[in-house]
N, C-alpha and C. Protein backbone atom coordinates (compact mmCIF):
# COMPACT_ATOMS: atom_id res chain seq x y z
N MET A 1 52.36 97.22 93.53
CA MET A 1 52.74 95.83 93.44
C MET A 1 53.01 95.21 94.79
N LEU A 2 53.57 96.01 95.66
CA LEU A 2 53.92 95.44 97.06
C LEU A 2 52.68 94.93 97.77
N ALA A 3 51.52 95.58 97.75
CA ALA A 3 50.39 95.17 98.39
C ALA A 3 49.85 93.88 97.75
N ALA A 4 50.02 93.69 96.46
CA ALA A 4 49.54 92.50 95.81
C ALA A 4 50.37 91.33 96.15
N GLU A 5 51.69 91.60 96.25
CA GLU A 5 52.68 90.52 96.64
C GLU A 5 52.39 90.13 98.12
N SER A 6 52.10 91.02 99.00
CA SER A 6 51.82 90.82 100.38
C SER A 6 50.55 89.91 100.46
N ALA A 7 49.57 90.33 99.65
CA ALA A 7 48.27 89.59 99.75
C ALA A 7 48.49 88.14 99.27
N ALA A 8 49.28 87.99 98.21
CA ALA A 8 49.56 86.70 97.67
C ALA A 8 50.32 85.80 98.69
N THR A 9 51.34 86.48 99.36
CA THR A 9 52.06 85.82 100.37
C THR A 9 51.19 85.39 101.58
N GLU A 10 50.27 86.25 102.02
CA GLU A 10 49.38 85.88 103.05
C GLU A 10 48.43 84.71 102.61
N LYS A 11 47.99 84.72 101.39
CA LYS A 11 47.15 83.69 100.87
C LYS A 11 47.96 82.34 100.87
N THR A 12 49.17 82.35 100.38
CA THR A 12 49.93 81.22 100.41
C THR A 12 50.22 80.68 101.79
N VAL A 13 50.43 81.54 102.74
CA VAL A 13 50.67 81.15 104.11
C VAL A 13 49.38 80.61 104.67
N ASP A 14 48.21 81.24 104.38
CA ASP A 14 46.94 80.72 104.85
C ASP A 14 46.69 79.20 104.32
N HIS A 15 47.02 79.12 103.07
CA HIS A 15 46.84 77.77 102.43
C HIS A 15 47.76 76.74 103.08
N ALA A 16 49.02 77.11 103.35
CA ALA A 16 49.91 76.22 104.01
C ALA A 16 49.49 75.86 105.43
N LEU A 17 49.01 76.83 106.18
CA LEU A 17 48.49 76.58 107.51
C LEU A 17 47.25 75.69 107.49
N LEU A 18 46.36 75.96 106.50
CA LEU A 18 45.14 75.11 106.35
C LEU A 18 45.57 73.74 105.98
N TYR A 19 46.53 73.53 105.08
CA TYR A 19 46.99 72.20 104.81
C TYR A 19 47.56 71.48 105.85
N ARG A 20 48.38 72.18 106.65
CA ARG A 20 49.05 71.54 107.88
C ARG A 20 47.95 71.14 108.90
N HIS A 21 46.95 72.01 109.05
CA HIS A 21 45.84 71.73 109.99
C HIS A 21 45.07 70.44 109.59
N TYR A 22 44.82 70.42 108.19
CA TYR A 22 44.12 69.28 107.59
C TYR A 22 44.89 67.96 107.83
N ALA A 23 46.24 68.12 107.50
CA ALA A 23 47.09 66.95 107.55
C ALA A 23 47.12 66.41 108.99
N ALA A 24 47.24 67.33 110.01
CA ALA A 24 47.23 66.98 111.46
C ALA A 24 45.90 66.33 111.81
N HIS A 25 44.79 66.80 111.33
CA HIS A 25 43.51 66.18 111.51
C HIS A 25 43.46 64.74 111.04
N ILE A 26 43.88 64.58 109.76
CA ILE A 26 43.91 63.28 109.19
C ILE A 26 44.75 62.36 110.00
N ALA A 27 45.99 62.81 110.38
CA ALA A 27 46.83 61.92 111.14
C ALA A 27 46.27 61.60 112.51
N THR A 28 45.55 62.50 113.15
CA THR A 28 44.91 62.18 114.35
C THR A 28 43.80 61.10 114.15
N GLN A 29 43.10 61.24 113.12
CA GLN A 29 42.03 60.26 112.81
C GLN A 29 42.63 58.89 112.57
N GLN A 30 43.78 58.81 111.80
CA GLN A 30 44.40 57.59 111.57
C GLN A 30 44.97 56.91 112.82
N GLN A 31 45.47 57.74 113.77
CA GLN A 31 46.02 57.32 115.01
C GLN A 31 44.87 56.69 115.83
N ARG A 32 43.72 57.40 115.86
CA ARG A 32 42.58 56.95 116.62
C ARG A 32 42.09 55.61 116.07
N THR A 33 42.07 55.50 114.75
CA THR A 33 41.67 54.23 114.08
C THR A 33 42.65 53.06 114.43
N ALA A 34 43.85 53.37 114.41
CA ALA A 34 44.84 52.40 114.75
C ALA A 34 44.72 51.99 116.21
N SER A 35 44.52 52.89 117.09
CA SER A 35 44.38 52.61 118.50
C SER A 35 43.13 51.74 118.75
N ASP A 36 42.01 52.07 118.01
CA ASP A 36 40.83 51.26 118.12
C ASP A 36 41.08 49.90 117.64
N GLN A 37 41.84 49.74 116.60
CA GLN A 37 42.16 48.38 116.07
C GLN A 37 43.03 47.62 117.09
N VAL A 38 43.96 48.20 117.70
CA VAL A 38 44.77 47.58 118.73
C VAL A 38 43.89 47.15 119.88
N VAL A 39 42.93 47.93 120.35
CA VAL A 39 41.99 47.53 121.41
C VAL A 39 41.28 46.23 121.07
N ILE A 40 40.71 46.33 119.80
CA ILE A 40 40.01 45.11 119.32
C ILE A 40 40.91 43.88 119.31
N SER A 41 42.10 44.01 118.77
CA SER A 41 43.00 42.96 118.71
C SER A 41 43.33 42.37 120.12
N MET A 42 43.56 43.28 121.04
CA MET A 42 43.88 42.89 122.43
C MET A 42 42.74 42.16 123.08
N ARG A 43 41.50 42.59 122.79
CA ARG A 43 40.39 41.88 123.30
C ARG A 43 40.26 40.49 122.73
N GLU A 44 40.49 40.33 121.45
CA GLU A 44 40.48 39.07 120.79
C GLU A 44 41.58 38.16 121.38
N VAL A 45 42.81 38.66 121.66
CA VAL A 45 43.82 37.92 122.32
C VAL A 45 43.39 37.43 123.65
N ALA A 46 42.76 38.36 124.39
CA ALA A 46 42.36 38.01 125.78
C ALA A 46 41.30 36.84 125.75
N GLN A 47 40.44 37.05 124.65
CA GLN A 47 39.37 35.96 124.54
C GLN A 47 39.98 34.60 124.18
N VAL A 48 40.90 34.61 123.31
CA VAL A 48 41.56 33.36 122.82
C VAL A 48 42.38 32.79 124.09
N SER A 49 43.04 33.59 124.80
CA SER A 49 43.74 33.17 126.01
C SER A 49 42.86 32.58 127.02
N GLN A 50 41.68 33.21 127.15
CA GLN A 50 40.69 32.65 128.11
C GLN A 50 40.22 31.24 127.63
N GLN A 51 40.00 31.14 126.38
CA GLN A 51 39.59 29.82 125.80
C GLN A 51 40.63 28.78 125.97
N ALA A 52 41.92 29.13 125.85
CA ALA A 52 43.05 28.24 125.98
C ALA A 52 43.12 27.84 127.41
N ALA A 53 42.96 28.76 128.38
CA ALA A 53 42.94 28.44 129.84
C ALA A 53 41.88 27.47 130.20
N ASP A 54 40.67 27.75 129.61
CA ASP A 54 39.53 26.87 129.83
C ASP A 54 39.83 25.39 129.36
N ALA A 55 40.33 25.38 128.13
CA ALA A 55 40.66 24.07 127.53
C ALA A 55 41.73 23.32 128.38
N SER A 56 42.70 24.10 128.91
CA SER A 56 43.75 23.43 129.72
C SER A 56 43.17 22.85 131.02
N ARG A 57 42.24 23.59 131.58
CA ARG A 57 41.57 23.02 132.79
C ARG A 57 40.77 21.79 132.48
N LYS A 58 40.08 21.79 131.39
CA LYS A 58 39.34 20.55 131.02
C LYS A 58 40.29 19.42 130.70
N ILE A 59 41.40 19.70 130.06
CA ILE A 59 42.36 18.60 129.83
C ILE A 59 42.91 18.11 131.11
N ALA A 60 43.28 19.03 132.06
CA ALA A 60 43.76 18.60 133.34
C ALA A 60 42.78 17.67 134.06
N ALA A 61 41.50 18.12 134.04
CA ALA A 61 40.45 17.31 134.68
C ALA A 61 40.37 15.85 134.00
N ALA A 62 40.47 15.87 132.67
CA ALA A 62 40.33 14.59 131.96
C ALA A 62 41.58 13.74 132.33
N ILE A 63 42.74 14.32 132.45
CA ILE A 63 43.98 13.51 132.86
C ILE A 63 43.80 12.98 134.29
N THR A 64 43.28 13.81 135.13
CA THR A 64 43.06 13.34 136.53
C THR A 64 42.09 12.14 136.56
N GLU A 65 41.00 12.23 135.77
CA GLU A 65 40.04 11.20 135.64
C GLU A 65 40.66 9.93 135.07
N LEU A 66 41.37 10.09 133.97
CA LEU A 66 42.02 8.94 133.32
C LEU A 66 42.98 8.29 134.26
N THR A 67 43.72 9.04 134.97
CA THR A 67 44.72 8.53 135.96
C THR A 67 43.96 7.79 137.02
N ARG A 68 42.88 8.30 137.60
CA ARG A 68 42.02 7.60 138.57
C ARG A 68 41.55 6.23 138.01
N LEU A 69 41.04 6.31 136.71
CA LEU A 69 40.57 5.04 136.15
C LEU A 69 41.70 4.06 135.94
N ALA A 70 42.85 4.43 135.47
CA ALA A 70 44.02 3.55 135.34
C ALA A 70 44.45 3.02 136.65
N ASP A 71 44.52 3.79 137.72
CA ASP A 71 44.85 3.25 139.03
C ASP A 71 43.86 2.29 139.52
N SER A 72 42.63 2.50 139.25
CA SER A 72 41.52 1.53 139.63
C SER A 72 41.66 0.15 138.93
N LEU A 73 42.20 0.23 137.68
CA LEU A 73 42.41 -1.00 136.91
C LEU A 73 43.66 -1.79 137.38
N THR A 74 44.67 -1.10 137.69
CA THR A 74 45.98 -1.76 138.05
C THR A 74 45.94 -2.26 139.56
N VAL A 75 45.09 -1.80 140.33
CA VAL A 75 45.02 -2.17 141.68
C VAL A 75 44.52 -3.60 141.82
N ARG A 76 43.68 -3.98 140.98
CA ARG A 76 42.97 -5.34 141.04
C ARG A 76 43.95 -6.44 140.73
């Protein structure tokens, strides 16, 4: 009986190790997916920030032009 119990214990240990290995593999995949999603989100944030900066420059140029036009009207 001792040999059978030993074999059963080894099988249980093997299954536990296999389960832990699989769980670690799944966790690694989930972390990789999450990291990829963070990269995508950060690229989107950078793109939106660039668009906001471009819009701000256009607004500043428009204000400058409007100010120039207003000054030309008030000088007369």
